[in-house]
């Protein structure tokens, strides 16, 4: 056991991981903006389906070039399928939310993910969560209510969609951590892409709209950069601990606000900004408590650093 832990520590490359993780944040914000732009004319399920198709084709071409024939060989097929289904639902719900809500609002609500991860880690990862972390979770949930403002004039039922997406994403994170030591990054990416294609196929044909040339260009680029971003995330988690990467996950809100302002002429109001700040503070406190309380006996980390939304 000691030799295994030592081996994993010596392969860590924290600076490289931070760079990959931060770049993925920027990429995901841009692809979210592209998905929101396309959702004005194309159904969300078609956008997600075509994104999965593009990523699957890219993976296939990569494997042909590298001569890899056992990419789909996995020790955890059931977990791979379940993870892929969670991510397909997560992505689909999130793009539906983007269709009706500002980009930066969806990103802000999405930061509820670490709260879900904290709760789920007790059931699936054997984590122990102390009173202070539970208080942080409660404060985080209250800040979500500030952002949503149920019953207020600005509340929309669509605001619940990012919450559902975050829950699916949190489940996918737990599954990712369970497979960390037995699967390769590209294998995980390939399984999630193929499962997404199969799962979404029945939902596409009734809403299919043939894209024009510019829409095809955006869809292809969305898939290419989405696949790149997802691979960077998986690689980052394999090069450094989730707790190290945690603070960098929040850079996505900055990119989302910039894209929302420049492209869609939208910006969150004061109450939303305050609620977002409290939610981020609660998440960072959870990360801090996990960092100071985790010991070598902790089975698997499930920390805030993994709250970056998986886009494939």
Protein backbone atom coordinates (compact mmCIF):
# COMPACT_ATOMS: atom_id res chain seq x y z
CA UNK A 1 0.00 0.00 0.00
CA UNK A 2 2.80 2.41 0.90
CA UNK A 3 4.64 1.70 -2.34
CA UNK A 4 1.46 2.31 -4.34
CA UNK A 5 0.89 5.68 -2.65
CA UNK A 6 4.50 6.66 -3.20
CA UNK A 7 4.27 5.75 -6.89
CA UNK A 8 1.18 7.90 -7.38
CA UNK A 9 2.78 10.85 -5.63
CA UNK A 10 5.92 10.75 -7.75
CA UNK A 11 3.89 10.96 -10.96
CA UNK A 12 2.09 14.15 -9.92
CA UNK A 13 2.79 17.23 -12.06
CA UNK A 14 0.83 20.03 -10.34
CA UNK A 15 1.84 22.96 -12.56
CA UNK A 16 1.02 21.06 -15.72
CA UNK A 17 -2.30 19.93 -14.22
CA UNK A 18 -3.26 23.50 -13.25
CA UNK A 19 -2.46 24.71 -16.76
CA UNK A 20 -4.52 21.96 -18.39
CA UNK A 21 -7.40 22.49 -15.98
CA UNK A 22 -7.48 26.28 -16.45
CA UNK A 23 -7.36 25.95 -20.23
CA UNK A 24 -10.25 23.49 -20.09
CA UNK A 25 -12.27 26.06 -18.11
CA UNK A 26 -11.89 28.63 -20.84
CA UNK A 27 -12.73 26.07 -23.53
CA UNK A 28 -15.88 24.94 -21.75
CA UNK A 29 -17.11 28.49 -21.29
CA UNK A 30 -16.65 29.10 -25.01
CA UNK A 31 -18.43 25.88 -25.99
CA UNK A 32 -21.30 26.74 -23.64
CA UNK A 33 -21.60 30.08 -25.39
CA UNK A 34 -21.62 28.33 -28.77
CA UNK A 35 -24.30 25.90 -27.59
CA UNK A 36 -26.46 28.77 -26.34
CA UNK A 37 -26.08 30.55 -29.68
CA UNK A 38 -27.07 27.43 -31.62
CA UNK A 39 -30.01 26.64 -29.32
CA UNK A 40 -31.94 29.58 -30.75
CA UNK A 41 -32.48 27.56 -33.95
CA UNK A 42 -31.44 23.97 -33.22
CA UNK A 43 -32.96 21.66 -30.59
CA UNK A 44 -30.70 20.98 -27.59
CA UNK A 45 -30.83 17.21 -28.11
CA UNK A 46 -29.56 17.63 -31.68
CA UNK A 47 -26.72 19.89 -30.49
CA UNK A 48 -25.60 17.40 -27.86
CA UNK A 49 -26.00 14.42 -30.20
CA UNK A 50 -23.88 16.00 -32.95
CA UNK A 51 -21.28 17.02 -30.38
CA UNK A 52 -21.00 13.42 -29.23
CA UNK A 53 -20.73 12.27 -32.84
CA UNK A 54 -17.90 14.69 -33.59
CA UNK A 55 -15.99 13.67 -30.46
CA UNK A 56 -16.49 9.96 -31.27
CA UNK A 57 -15.16 10.46 -34.81
CA UNK A 58 -12.13 12.33 -33.48
CA UNK A 59 -11.38 9.55 -31.02
CA UNK A 60 -11.73 6.94 -33.79
CA UNK A 61 -9.34 8.85 -36.06
CA UNK A 62 -6.88 9.24 -33.22
CA UNK A 63 -6.96 5.52 -32.50
CA UNK A 64 -6.45 4.67 -36.18
CA UNK A 65 -3.44 7.00 -36.36
CA UNK A 66 -1.98 5.54 -33.15
CA UNK A 67 -2.80 1.96 -34.03
CA UNK A 68 -4.82 1.45 -30.86
CA UNK A 69 -7.28 -1.42 -31.08
CA UNK A 70 -8.23 -1.97 -27.46
CA UNK A 71 -9.42 1.53 -26.60
CA UNK A 72 -12.81 0.31 -25.37
CA UNK A 73 -11.31 -2.42 -23.22
CA UNK A 74 -12.41 -1.65 -19.68
CA UNK A 75 -12.45 -3.31 -16.31
CA UNK A 76 -15.61 -1.40 -15.32
CA UNK A 77 -18.15 -1.58 -18.19
CA UNK A 78 -21.18 -1.03 -15.95
CA UNK A 79 -19.63 2.06 -14.35
CA UNK A 80 -18.62 3.35 -17.79
CA UNK A 81 -22.18 3.03 -19.10
CA UNK A 82 -23.71 4.57 -16.00
CA UNK A 83 -21.23 7.45 -16.13
CA UNK A 84 -22.01 8.02 -19.80
CA UNK A 85 -25.76 8.12 -19.13
CA UNK A 86 -25.28 10.57 -16.26
CA UNK A 87 -23.22 12.85 -18.48
CA UNK A 88 -25.67 12.64 -21.39
CA UNK A 89 -28.54 13.72 -19.13
CA UNK A 90 -26.32 16.37 -17.54
CA UNK A 91 -25.36 17.88 -20.89
CA UNK A 92 -28.87 17.71 -22.33
CA UNK A 93 -30.46 19.43 -19.34
CA UNK A 94 -27.76 22.08 -19.27
CA UNK A 95 -28.24 23.04 -22.94
CA UNK A 96 -32.00 23.23 -22.38
CA UNK A 97 -31.20 25.64 -19.54
CA UNK A 98 -28.90 27.68 -21.81
CA UNK A 99 -31.73 28.01 -24.30
CA UNK A 100 -33.87 29.85 -21.73
CA UNK A 101 -31.39 31.43 -19.29
CA UNK A 102 -28.31 33.67 -19.47
CA UNK A 103 -25.02 31.83 -19.77
CA UNK A 104 -23.55 33.34 -16.60
CA UNK A 105 -26.66 32.42 -14.57
CA UNK A 106 -26.42 28.78 -15.63
CA UNK A 107 -22.74 28.78 -14.70
CA UNK A 108 -23.49 30.32 -11.29
CA UNK A 109 -26.20 27.82 -10.42
CA UNK A 110 -23.92 25.03 -11.61
CA UNK A 111 -21.55 25.77 -8.73
CA UNK A 112 -23.92 23.84 -6.49
CA UNK A 113 -22.10 20.71 -7.72
CA UNK A 114 -19.56 20.53 -4.85
CA UNK A 115 -22.45 20.52 -2.39
CA UNK A 116 -23.94 17.50 -4.13
CA UNK A 117 -20.54 15.83 -4.34
CA UNK A 118 -20.02 16.30 -0.61
CA UNK A 119 -23.33 14.61 0.17
CA UNK A 120 -22.89 11.79 -2.36
CA UNK A 121 -19.33 11.07 -1.28
CA UNK A 122 -20.67 9.84 2.06
CA UNK A 123 -22.75 7.15 0.37
CA UNK A 124 -20.40 6.07 -2.39
CA UNK A 125 -16.86 6.95 -1.34
CA UNK A 126 -16.94 6.36 2.39
CA UNK A 127 -16.12 10.00 3.12
CA UNK A 128 -16.67 11.46 6.58
CA UNK A 129 -18.19 14.94 6.51
CA UNK A 130 -17.99 16.99 9.69
CA UNK A 131 -20.36 19.55 11.13
CA UNK A 132 -18.51 22.55 9.67
CA UNK A 133 -18.71 21.16 6.15
CA UNK A 134 -22.41 20.45 6.58
CA UNK A 135 -22.91 24.06 7.70
CA UNK A 136 -21.06 25.20 4.56
CA UNK A 137 -23.35 22.99 2.46
CA UNK A 138 -26.42 24.55 4.11
CA UNK A 139 -25.09 28.08 3.51
CA UNK A 140 -24.37 27.13 -0.09
CA UNK A 141 -27.92 25.89 -0.59
CA UNK A 142 -29.30 29.10 0.90
CA UNK A 143 -27.16 31.10 -1.52
CA UNK A 144 -28.70 29.09 -4.37
CA UNK A 145 -32.10 30.28 -3.16
CA UNK A 146 -30.76 33.85 -3.36
CA UNK A 147 -29.85 33.26 -6.98
CA UNK A 148 -33.10 31.50 -7.87
CA UNK A 149 -35.42 33.73 -5.80
CA UNK A 150 -38.40 31.34 -5.99
CA UNK A 151 -41.67 33.25 -5.97
CA UNK A 152 -40.02 36.42 -7.22
CA UNK A 153 -40.75 38.12 -10.52
CA UNK A 154 -37.40 37.00 -11.96
CA UNK A 155 -37.88 33.31 -11.12
CA UNK A 156 -38.32 30.85 -13.99
CA UNK A 157 -38.88 27.12 -13.81
CA UNK A 158 -35.95 26.79 -16.22
CA UNK A 159 -33.70 27.84 -13.32
CA UNK A 160 -34.22 24.37 -11.86
CA UNK A 161 -32.59 22.77 -14.90
CA UNK A 162 -28.99 23.65 -13.93
CA UNK A 163 -29.68 22.13 -10.50
CA UNK A 164 -30.68 18.83 -12.08
CA UNK A 165 -27.70 19.02 -14.41
CA UNK A 166 -25.38 19.59 -11.43
CA UNK A 167 -26.78 16.56 -9.62
CA UNK A 168 -26.16 14.34 -12.67
CA UNK A 169 -22.68 15.79 -12.96
CA UNK A 170 -21.95 15.08 -9.30
CA UNK A 171 -22.95 11.45 -9.83
CA UNK A 172 -20.63 11.26 -12.83
CA UNK A 173 -17.80 12.65 -10.70
CA UNK A 174 -18.25 9.95 -8.11
CA UNK A 175 -18.13 7.31 -10.85
CA UNK A 176 -15.04 8.92 -12.38
CA UNK A 177 -13.21 8.75 -9.07
CA UNK A 178 -14.20 5.11 -8.60
CA UNK A 179 -12.55 4.31 -11.96
CA UNK A 180 -9.48 6.47 -11.49
CA UNK A 181 -7.00 3.69 -10.80
CA UNK A 182 -8.31 1.18 -13.35
CA UNK A 183 -9.05 3.18 -16.51
CA UNK A 184 -7.14 5.34 -18.99
CA UNK A 185 -8.28 8.89 -19.75
CA UNK A 186 -8.98 8.21 -23.43
CA UNK A 187 -10.95 5.06 -22.60
CA UNK A 188 -13.20 7.00 -20.23
CA UNK A 189 -13.71 9.69 -22.88
CA UNK A 190 -14.47 7.14 -25.59
CA UNK A 191 -17.05 5.30 -23.48
CA UNK A 192 -18.84 8.50 -22.46
CA UNK A 193 -18.98 9.66 -26.09
CA UNK A 194 -20.31 6.38 -27.48
CA UNK A 195 -22.86 5.98 -24.70
CA UNK A 196 -24.01 9.54 -25.40
CA UNK A 197 -24.47 8.82 -29.11
CA UNK A 198 -26.52 5.69 -28.43
CA UNK A 199 -28.61 7.25 -25.65
CA UNK A 200 -29.51 10.41 -27.56
CA UNK A 201 -30.15 8.83 -30.97
CA UNK A 202 -33.86 8.12 -30.32
CA UNK A 203 -34.43 11.73 -29.21
CA UNK A 204 -32.95 13.41 -32.27
CA UNK A 205 -34.89 12.33 -35.33
CA UNK A 206 -38.22 13.91 -34.41
CA UNK A 207 -36.59 17.35 -33.97
CA UNK A 208 -33.89 17.11 -36.66
CA UNK A 209 -33.14 20.32 -38.53
CA UNK A 210 -30.44 20.25 -41.19
CA UNK A 211 -27.90 22.91 -40.18
CA UNK A 212 -26.68 25.48 -42.65
CA UNK A 213 -22.99 25.93 -43.47
CA UNK A 214 -22.22 28.32 -40.61
CA UNK A 215 -24.11 26.16 -38.10
CA UNK A 216 -22.23 23.06 -39.25
CA UNK A 217 -18.97 24.92 -38.74
CA UNK A 218 -19.91 25.91 -35.19
CA UNK A 219 -21.18 22.41 -34.38
CA UNK A 220 -17.97 20.78 -35.59
CA UNK A 221 -15.79 23.26 -33.72
CA UNK A 222 -17.96 22.79 -30.62
CA UNK A 223 -17.37 19.05 -30.76
CA UNK A 224 -13.64 19.37 -31.43
CA UNK A 225 -13.01 21.79 -28.57
CA UNK A 226 -15.39 19.97 -26.27
CA UNK A 227 -13.50 16.74 -26.74
CA UNK A 228 -10.22 18.57 -26.20
CA UNK A 229 -11.48 20.22 -23.02
CA UNK A 230 -12.78 16.95 -21.59
CA UNK A 231 -9.52 15.17 -22.29
CA UNK A 232 -7.60 18.00 -20.61
CA UNK A 233 -9.79 17.66 -17.51
CA UNK A 234 -9.27 13.91 -17.26
CA UNK A 235 -5.52 14.32 -17.74
CA UNK A 236 -5.40 17.07 -15.11
CA UNK A 237 -7.08 14.82 -12.54
CA UNK A 238 -4.50 12.14 -13.25
CA UNK A 239 -1.57 14.54 -12.80
CA UNK A 240 -2.63 16.26 -9.56
CA UNK A 241 -5.03 15.94 -6.67
CA UNK A 242 -8.53 17.34 -6.97
CA UNK A 243 -7.95 19.49 -3.90
CA UNK A 244 -5.07 21.28 -5.63
CA UNK A 245 -7.18 22.06 -8.70
CA UNK A 246 -10.23 23.19 -6.72
CA UNK A 247 -9.81 26.99 -6.69
CA UNK A 248 -9.19 27.11 -10.43
CA UNK A 249 -12.62 25.67 -11.21
CA UNK A 250 -14.25 29.01 -10.39
CA UNK A 251 -12.53 30.81 -13.25
CA UNK A 252 -15.37 29.50 -15.42
CA UNK A 253 -17.74 32.11 -13.96
CA UNK A 254 -15.39 34.89 -15.08
CA UNK A 255 -15.26 33.56 -18.63
CA UNK A 256 -19.02 33.02 -18.66
CA UNK A 257 -19.69 36.59 -17.54
CA UNK A 258 -17.35 37.96 -20.20
CA UNK A 259 -18.94 35.88 -22.95
CA UNK A 260 -22.43 36.75 -21.71
CA UNK A 261 -21.63 40.45 -21.72
CA UNK A 262 -19.80 40.57 -25.05
CA UNK A 263 -21.84 38.09 -27.08
CA UNK A 264 -25.31 38.12 -25.51
CA UNK A 265 -25.34 41.56 -23.84
CA UNK A 266 -26.32 40.10 -20.46
CA UNK A 267 -24.88 40.48 -16.97
CA UNK A 268 -26.09 39.20 -13.58
CA UNK A 269 -27.78 41.61 -11.18
CA UNK A 270 -26.46 42.50 -7.73
CA UNK A 271 -28.38 39.84 -5.79
CA UNK A 272 -27.24 37.12 -8.20
CA UNK A 273 -23.63 38.28 -7.84
CA UNK A 274 -23.90 38.21 -4.04
CA UNK A 275 -25.50 34.76 -4.07
CA UNK A 276 -22.82 33.51 -6.46
CA UNK A 277 -20.06 34.90 -4.23
CA UNK A 278 -21.54 33.16 -1.16
CA UNK A 279 -21.92 29.90 -3.08
CA UNK A 280 -18.30 30.08 -4.22
CA UNK A 281 -17.17 30.89 -0.66
CA UNK A 282 -19.11 27.88 0.67
CA UNK A 283 -17.56 25.64 -1.96
CA UNK A 284 -14.06 26.88 -1.21
CA UNK A 285 -14.59 26.29 2.49
CA UNK A 286 -15.68 22.73 1.76
CA UNK A 287 -12.50 22.32 -0.30
CA UNK A 288 -10.41 23.75 2.53
CA UNK A 289 -11.94 21.47 5.16
CA UNK A 290 -11.46 18.44 2.92
CA UNK A 291 -7.85 19.45 2.34
CA UNK A 292 -7.03 19.76 6.06
CA UNK A 293 -9.02 16.74 7.22
CA UNK A 294 -8.22 14.21 4.49
CA UNK A 295 -5.74 11.56 5.60
CA UNK A 296 -4.04 8.69 3.75
CA UNK A 297 -6.82 6.43 5.04
CA UNK A 298 -9.44 8.32 3.05
CA UNK A 299 -10.54 5.86 0.32
CA UNK A 300 -10.91 8.28 -2.59
CA UNK A 301 -11.00 12.05 -2.81
CA UNK A 302 -14.24 13.63 -4.07
CA UNK A 303 -13.47 17.28 -3.72
CA UNK A 304 -14.37 20.62 -5.19
CA UNK A 305 -11.60 20.43 -7.73
CA UNK A 306 -13.73 18.03 -9.74
CA UNK A 307 -16.72 20.33 -10.07
CA UNK A 308 -15.83 21.36 -13.57
CA UNK A 309 -18.76 20.25 -15.67
CA UNK A 310 -18.04 17.33 -17.92
CA UNK A 311 -19.11 18.21 -21.45
CA UNK A 312 -19.00 14.83 -23.12
